[in-house]
C-alpha atoms as a PDB file:
ATOM      1  CA  MET A   1       7.536   7.420 -24.709  1.00  0.00           C
ATOM      2  CA  PHE A   2       4.789   8.864 -22.480  1.00  0.00           C
ATOM      3  CA  ARG A   3       1.126   8.221 -23.146  1.00  0.00           C
ATOM      4  CA  ILE A   4      -2.243   8.234 -21.438  1.00  0.00           C
ATOM      5  CA  LEU A   5      -4.418   5.125 -21.804  1.00  0.00           C
ATOM      6  CA  TRP A   6      -8.184   5.213 -21.256  1.00  0.00           C
ATOM      7  CA  ALA A   7      -9.901   1.956 -20.266  1.00  0.00           C
ATOM      8  CA  ASN A   8     -13.012   2.899 -22.233  1.00  0.00           C
ATOM      9  CA  ASN A   9     -10.972   3.060 -25.486  1.00  0.00           C
ATOM     10  CA  LYS A  10     -10.572  -0.451 -27.001  1.00  0.00           C
ATOM     11  CA  ASN A  11      -7.033   0.077 -28.287  1.00  0.00           C
ATOM     12  CA  ASP A  12      -5.852   1.764 -25.067  1.00  0.00           C
ATOM     13  CA  TYR A  13      -7.492  -0.974 -23.000  1.00  0.00           C
ATOM     14  CA  ARG A  14      -5.709  -3.705 -24.967  1.00  0.00           C
ATOM     15  CA  GLU A  15      -2.352  -1.923 -24.655  1.00  0.00           C
ATOM     16  CA  TRP A  16      -2.828  -1.376 -20.906  1.00  0.00           C
ATOM     17  CA  LEU A  17      -3.780  -5.029 -20.432  1.00  0.00           C
ATOM     18  CA  SER A  18      -0.836  -6.195 -22.560  1.00  0.00           C
ATOM     19  CA  ILE A  19       1.617  -4.270 -20.371  1.00  0.00           C
ATOM     20  CA  TRP A  20      -0.112  -5.494 -17.203  1.00  0.00           C
ATOM     21  CA  TYR A  21       0.147  -9.153 -18.296  1.00  0.00           C
ATOM     22  CA  ARG A  22       3.905  -8.799 -18.902  1.00  0.00           C
ATOM     23  CA  TRP A  23       4.310  -7.634 -15.311  1.00  0.00           C
ATOM     24  CA  GLU A  24       5.576 -10.186 -12.827  1.00  0.00           C
ATOM     25  CA  GLY A  25       3.716  -8.456  -9.963  1.00  0.00           C
ATOM     26  CA  LYS A  26       0.319  -8.132 -11.683  1.00  0.00           C
ATOM     27  CA  GLU A  27      -1.006  -5.770  -8.991  1.00  0.00           C
ATOM     28  CA  ILE A  28      -4.811  -5.959  -9.083  1.00  0.00           C
ATOM     29  CA  PHE A  29      -5.131  -2.249  -8.247  1.00  0.00           C
ATOM     30  CA  ALA A  30      -3.407  -1.487 -11.578  1.00  0.00           C
ATOM     31  CA  HIS A  31      -5.694  -3.647 -13.737  1.00  0.00           C
ATOM     32  CA  PRO A  32      -8.008  -1.658 -16.049  1.00  0.00           C
ATOM     33  CA  ASP A  33     -11.049  -3.716 -15.043  1.00  0.00           C
ATOM     34  CA  TYR A  34     -10.478  -2.935 -11.369  1.00  0.00           C
ATOM     35  CA  LEU A  35     -10.340   0.802 -12.030  1.00  0.00           C
ATOM     36  CA  SER A  36     -13.393   0.511 -14.279  1.00  0.00           C
ATOM     37  CA  LEU A  37     -15.414  -0.625 -11.251  1.00  0.00           C
ATOM     38  CA  TYR A  38     -15.567   3.086 -10.387  1.00  0.00           C
ATOM     39  CA  SER A  39     -16.958   4.125 -13.797  1.00  0.00           C
ATOM     40  CA  GLN A  40     -20.147   5.583 -12.305  1.00  0.00           C
ATOM     41  CA  TRP A  41     -18.170   8.550 -10.989  1.00  0.00           C
ATOM     42  CA  SER A  42     -14.831   8.516 -12.816  1.00  0.00           C
ATOM     43  CA  GLU A  43     -12.839   7.473 -15.870  1.00  0.00           C
ATOM     44  CA  ALA A  44     -10.282   4.652 -15.553  1.00  0.00           C
ATOM     45  CA  VAL A  45      -6.965   6.033 -16.805  1.00  0.00           C
ATOM     46  CA  CYS A  46      -3.350   4.895 -16.825  1.00  0.00           C
ATOM     47  CA  ALA A  47      -0.300   7.056 -17.455  1.00  0.00           C
ATOM     48  CA  VAL A  48       2.441   4.970 -19.042  1.00  0.00           C
ATOM     49  CA  TYR A  49       6.072   5.790 -19.645  1.00  0.00           C
ATOM     50  CA  SER A  50       7.971   3.253 -21.735  1.00  0.00           C
ATOM     51  CA  SER A  51      11.646   2.959 -22.497  1.00  0.00           C
ATOM     52  CA  GLY A  52      12.487  -0.218 -24.399  1.00  0.00           C
ATOM     53  CA  ASP A  53      10.965  -3.159 -22.550  1.00  0.00           C
ATOM     54  CA  ARG A  54      10.634  -1.156 -19.309  1.00  0.00           C
ATOM     55  CA  HIS A  55       7.394   0.540 -18.357  1.00  0.00           C
ATOM     56  CA  LEU A  56       6.166   2.755 -15.564  1.00  0.00           C
ATOM     57  CA  LEU A  57       2.417   2.532 -14.946  1.00  0.00           C
ATOM     58  CA  PHE A  58       0.386   4.963 -12.888  1.00  0.00           C
ATOM     59  CA  PRO A  59      -3.278   3.892 -12.886  1.00  0.00           C
ATOM     60  CA  PHE A  60      -5.828   6.368 -11.526  1.00  0.00           C
ATOM     61  CA  CYS A  61      -9.440   7.471 -11.661  1.00  0.00           C
ATOM     62  CA  MET A  62     -10.088  10.876 -13.223  1.00  0.00           C
ATOM     63  CA  ARG A  63     -13.097  12.835 -11.996  1.00  0.00           C
ATOM     64  CA  GLU A  64     -14.680  16.051 -13.179  1.00  0.00           C
ATOM     65  CA  ILE A  65     -14.879  18.651 -10.419  1.00  0.00           C
ATOM     66  CA  ALA A  66     -18.319  20.173 -10.024  1.00  0.00           C
ATOM     67  CA  GLN A  67     -18.081  23.952  -9.687  1.00  0.00           C
ATOM     68  CA  ASP A  68     -20.077  27.094 -10.427  1.00  0.00           C
ATOM     69  CA  PHE A  69     -17.331  29.709 -10.715  1.00  0.00           C
ATOM     70  CA  SER A  70     -16.021  29.061 -14.225  1.00  0.00           C
ATOM     71  CA  ASN A  71     -17.000  27.857 -17.678  1.00  0.00           C
ATOM     72  CA  GLU A  72     -13.827  25.744 -17.668  1.00  0.00           C
ATOM     73  CA  THR A  73     -13.888  22.057 -16.709  1.00  0.00           C
ATOM     74  CA  TYR A  74     -11.369  20.935 -14.097  1.00  0.00           C
ATOM     75  CA  TYR A  75     -10.459  17.469 -12.871  1.00  0.00           C
ATOM     76  CA  ASP A  76      -8.985  15.663  -9.942  1.00  0.00           C
ATOM     77  CA  ILE A  77      -7.359  12.255  -9.903  1.00  0.00           C
ATOM     78  CA  ILE A  78      -7.507   9.590  -7.239  1.00  0.00           C
ATOM     79  CA  THR A  79      -6.188   6.072  -6.936  1.00  0.00           C
ATOM     80  CA  PRO A  80      -8.939   3.481  -6.541  1.00  0.00           C
ATOM     81  CA  TYR A  81      -9.823   1.917  -3.205  1.00  0.00           C
ATOM     82  CA  GLY A  82      -6.899  -0.179  -2.078  1.00  0.00           C
ATOM     83  CA  TYR A  83      -3.468   0.997  -3.101  1.00  0.00           C
ATOM     84  CA  GLY A  84      -1.975   2.994  -5.926  1.00  0.00           C
ATOM     85  CA  ASP A  85       1.479   3.939  -7.034  1.00  0.00           C
ATOM     86  CA  ILE A  86       3.826   4.282  -9.937  1.00  0.00           C
ATOM     87  CA  TYR A  87       4.680   0.692 -10.797  1.00  0.00           C
ATOM     88  CA  LEU A  88       7.855  -0.449 -12.552  1.00  0.00           C
ATOM     89  CA  ILE A  89       7.538  -3.277 -15.055  1.00  0.00           C
ATOM     90  CA  GLY A  90      10.849  -4.702 -16.204  1.00  0.00           C
ATOM     91  CA  LYS A  91      14.368  -4.416 -14.859  1.00  0.00           C
ATOM     92  CA  SER A  92      15.624  -0.861 -14.568  1.00  0.00           C
ATOM     93  CA  ASP A  93      16.815   1.987 -12.424  1.00  0.00           C
ATOM     94  CA  PHE A  94      13.446   3.129 -11.090  1.00  0.00           C
ATOM     95  CA  ILE A  95      14.647   6.580  -9.999  1.00  0.00           C
ATOM     96  CA  SER A  96      15.818   7.792 -13.416  1.00  0.00           C
ATOM     97  CA  LEU A  97      12.706   6.485 -15.178  1.00  0.00           C
ATOM     98  CA  GLU A  98      10.485   7.990 -12.492  1.00  0.00           C
ATOM     99  CA  LYS A  99      11.982  11.466 -12.999  1.00  0.00           C
ATOM    100  CA  GLU A 100      11.288  11.302 -16.733  1.00  0.00           C
ATOM    101  CA  PHE A 101       7.778   9.982 -16.055  1.00  0.00           C
ATOM    102  CA  ASN A 102       7.035  12.723 -13.504  1.00  0.00           C
ATOM    103  CA  ASP A 103       8.114  15.466 -15.928  1.00  0.00           C
ATOM    104  CA  HIS A 104       5.783  14.146 -18.629  1.00  0.00           C
ATOM    105  CA  PHE A 105       2.933  13.474 -16.219  1.00  0.00           C
ATOM    106  CA  HIS A 106       3.127  16.963 -14.714  1.00  0.00           C
ATOM    107  CA  GLN A 107       2.947  18.508 -18.193  1.00  0.00           C
ATOM    108  CA  TRP A 108      -0.035  16.323 -19.130  1.00  0.00           C
ATOM    109  CA  ALA A 109      -1.850  17.183 -15.870  1.00  0.00           C
ATOM    110  CA  MET A 110      -1.346  20.910 -16.462  1.00  0.00           C
ATOM    111  CA  THR A 111      -2.671  20.825 -20.022  1.00  0.00           C
ATOM    112  CA  SER A 112      -5.555  18.517 -18.993  1.00  0.00           C
ATOM    113  CA  LYS A 113      -6.649  20.861 -16.173  1.00  0.00           C
ATOM    114  CA  VAL A 114      -5.996  18.356 -13.393  1.00  0.00           C
ATOM    115  CA  VAL A 115      -5.862  20.496 -10.261  1.00  0.00           C
ATOM    116  CA  SER A 116      -5.631  17.934  -7.450  1.00  0.00           C
ATOM    117  CA  GLY A 117      -4.783  14.333  -6.734  1.00  0.00           C
ATOM    118  CA  PHE A 118      -5.024  11.779  -3.945  1.00  0.00           C
ATOM    119  CA  ILE A 119      -2.855   8.657  -3.820  1.00  0.00           C
ATOM    120  CA  ARG A 120      -3.211   5.747  -1.431  1.00  0.00           C
ATOM    121  CA  PHE A 121       0.418   4.672  -1.694  1.00  0.00           C
ATOM    122  CA  ASP A 122       1.315   1.012  -2.043  1.00  0.00           C
ATOM    123  CA  LEU A 123       2.784  -0.514   1.125  1.00  0.00           C
ATOM    124  CA  PHE A 124       6.186  -0.932  -0.509  1.00  0.00           C
ATOM    125  CA  SER A 125       6.124   2.273  -2.552  1.00  0.00           C
ATOM    126  CA  ARG A 126       9.312   3.425  -4.220  1.00  0.00           C
ATOM    127  CA  SER A 127       7.757   6.691  -5.397  1.00  0.00           C
ATOM    128  CA  ILE A 128       6.497   8.091  -2.070  1.00  0.00           C
ATOM    129  CA  ASP A 129       9.876   9.654  -1.211  1.00  0.00           C
ATOM    130  CA  ASP A 130       9.847  11.787  -4.371  1.00  0.00           C
ATOM    131  CA  TYR A 131       6.168  12.725  -4.172  1.00  0.00           C
ATOM    132  CA  LYS A 132       5.821  16.516  -4.400  1.00  0.00           C
ATOM    133  CA  GLY A 133       2.538  16.769  -2.479  1.00  0.00           C
ATOM    134  CA  ASP A 134       1.697  16.397   1.194  1.00  0.00           C
ATOM    135  CA  VAL A 135       1.992  12.877   2.614  1.00  0.00           C
ATOM    136  CA  ILE A 136      -0.272  12.171   5.567  1.00  0.00           C
ATOM    137  CA  PHE A 137       0.151   9.014   7.640  1.00  0.00           C
ATOM    138  CA  ASN A 138      -3.196   7.324   8.222  1.00  0.00           C
ATOM    139  CA  THR A 139      -2.610   3.938   9.837  1.00  0.00           C
ATOM    140  CA  ASN A 140      -0.200   1.047  10.191  1.00  0.00           C
ATOM    141  CA  ASN A 141      -0.542  -2.017   8.009  1.00  0.00           C
ATOM    142  CA  ILE A 142       0.316  -5.479   9.202  1.00  0.00           C
ATOM    143  CA  ALA A 143       1.914  -7.996   6.857  1.00  0.00           C
ATOM    144  CA  CYS A 144       2.493 -11.651   7.694  1.00  0.00           C
ATOM    145  CA  ASP A 145       4.954 -13.954   5.978  1.00  0.00           C
ATOM    146  CA  LEU A 146       2.684 -16.909   5.176  1.00  0.00           C
ATOM    147  CA  THR A 147       5.631 -19.132   4.254  1.00  0.00           C
ATOM    148  CA  LYS A 148       6.483 -19.492   7.968  1.00  0.00           C
ATOM    149  CA  GLY A 149       3.641 -21.968   8.482  1.00  0.00           C
ATOM    150  CA  ASP A 150       0.676 -22.052  10.842  1.00  0.00           C
ATOM    151  CA  VAL A 151       2.543 -22.767  14.078  1.00  0.00           C
ATOM    152  CA  LYS A 152       5.103 -19.970  13.695  1.00  0.00           C
ATOM    153  CA  LEU A 153       2.434 -17.466  12.584  1.00  0.00           C
ATOM    154  CA  TRP A 154       0.279 -18.375  15.593  1.00  0.00           C
ATOM    155  CA  GLU A 155       3.208 -17.851  17.958  1.00  0.00           C
ATOM    156  CA  GLU A 156       3.908 -14.412  16.479  1.00  0.00           C
ATOM    157  CA  PHE A 157       0.373 -13.119  17.045  1.00  0.00           C
ATOM    158  CA  LYS A 158      -0.115 -11.023  20.149  1.00  0.00           C
ATOM    159  CA  PRO A 159      -1.923 -12.809  23.017  1.00  0.00           C
ATOM    160  CA  LYS A 160      -4.967 -10.548  22.521  1.00  0.00           C
ATOM    161  CA  VAL A 161      -5.253 -11.638  18.876  1.00  0.00           C
ATOM    162  CA  ARG A 162      -4.905 -15.329  19.777  1.00  0.00           C
ATOM    163  CA  ARG A 163      -7.580 -14.866  22.479  1.00  0.00           C
ATOM    164  CA  ASN A 164      -9.984 -13.255  19.962  1.00  0.00           C
ATOM    165  CA  ILE A 165      -9.413 -16.084  17.494  1.00  0.00           C
ATOM    166  CA  ARG A 166     -10.053 -18.730  20.164  1.00  0.00           C
ATOM    167  CA  LYS A 167     -13.246 -16.904  21.173  1.00  0.00           C
ATOM    168  CA  ALA A 168     -14.460 -16.801  17.561  1.00  0.00           C
ATOM    169  CA  MET A 169     -13.744 -20.515  17.172  1.00  0.00           C
ATOM    170  CA  SER A 170     -15.612 -21.340  20.394  1.00  0.00           C
ATOM    171  CA  CYS A 171     -18.638 -19.454  19.028  1.00  0.00           C
ATOM    172  CA  ASP A 172     -18.505 -21.599  15.871  1.00  0.00           C
ATOM    173  CA  LEU A 173     -17.620 -18.642  13.672  1.00  0.00           C
ATOM    174  CA  LYS A 174     -17.193 -19.874  10.122  1.00  0.00           C
ATOM    175  CA  VAL A 175     -15.562 -18.359   7.050  1.00  0.00           C
ATOM    176  CA  GLU A 176     -17.735 -18.614   3.944  1.00  0.00           C
ATOM    177  CA  ILE A 177     -16.500 -17.941   0.442  1.00  0.00           C
ATOM    178  CA  ASP A 178     -19.427 -16.678  -1.626  1.00  0.00           C
ATOM    179  CA  VAL A 179     -18.289 -16.506  -5.242  1.00  0.00           C
ATOM    180  CA  ASP A 180     -21.854 -16.016  -6.538  1.00  0.00           C
ATOM    181  CA  GLY A 181     -22.756 -13.072  -4.280  1.00  0.00           C
ATOM    182  CA  ASP A 182     -25.715 -14.908  -2.720  1.00  0.00           C
ATOM    183  CA  ARG A 183     -24.852 -13.528   0.727  1.00  0.00           C
ATOM    184  CA  LEU A 184     -23.772 -10.042  -0.396  1.00  0.00           C
ATOM    185  CA  ASP A 185     -26.671  -8.313   1.387  1.00  0.00           C
ATOM    186  CA  SER A 186     -25.721  -9.991   4.684  1.00  0.00           C
ATOM    187  CA  PHE A 187     -22.101  -8.964   4.213  1.00  0.00           C
ATOM    188  CA  LEU A 188     -23.014  -5.352   3.384  1.00  0.00           C
ATOM    189  CA  GLY A 189     -25.204  -5.163   6.479  1.00  0.00           C
ATOM    190  CA  LEU A 190     -22.242  -6.135   8.651  1.00  0.00           C
ATOM    191  CA  TYR A 191     -19.785  -4.014   6.676  1.00  0.00           C
ATOM    192  CA  TYR A 192     -21.844  -0.811   6.892  1.00  0.00           C
END
């Protein structure tokens, strides 16, 4: 069964959250509250395809396209900052479920006047190979296996990285965790 869930609808929100909590991976970029952070300029939406206890989730932000050439309203979709993808919840053959999902999603997008989309694919995406749009490589991502321990991780860093870390330590650089946001302005100044 294919359906579209809207985070601003109480029943849809609860269903989306219920599916998300059953997911072993619990990807934060697929949580309705994360997508709702962008509510000033978009609607938090999730396309869901369910077959038994298996679900495919595709969370995205839906935005109205400003235009002057038509009385019609058109939309584009975008994954939120971070990563997006079609996520499998449950044990299944992803490829066959994905085909069924894509057929339903394409039909929904056509009838909903969605004319464009932008996906920041998950690092370990299973759906990127079957994506029908243009895929543009942007940058490499680096992943470290933290189970190796400090010594092994340190040895695997390039000498330049180790040198930069030593320099930061010699300058008494400290990492602060600010859960209350007291230093947010300082962070934003550096970030921008």
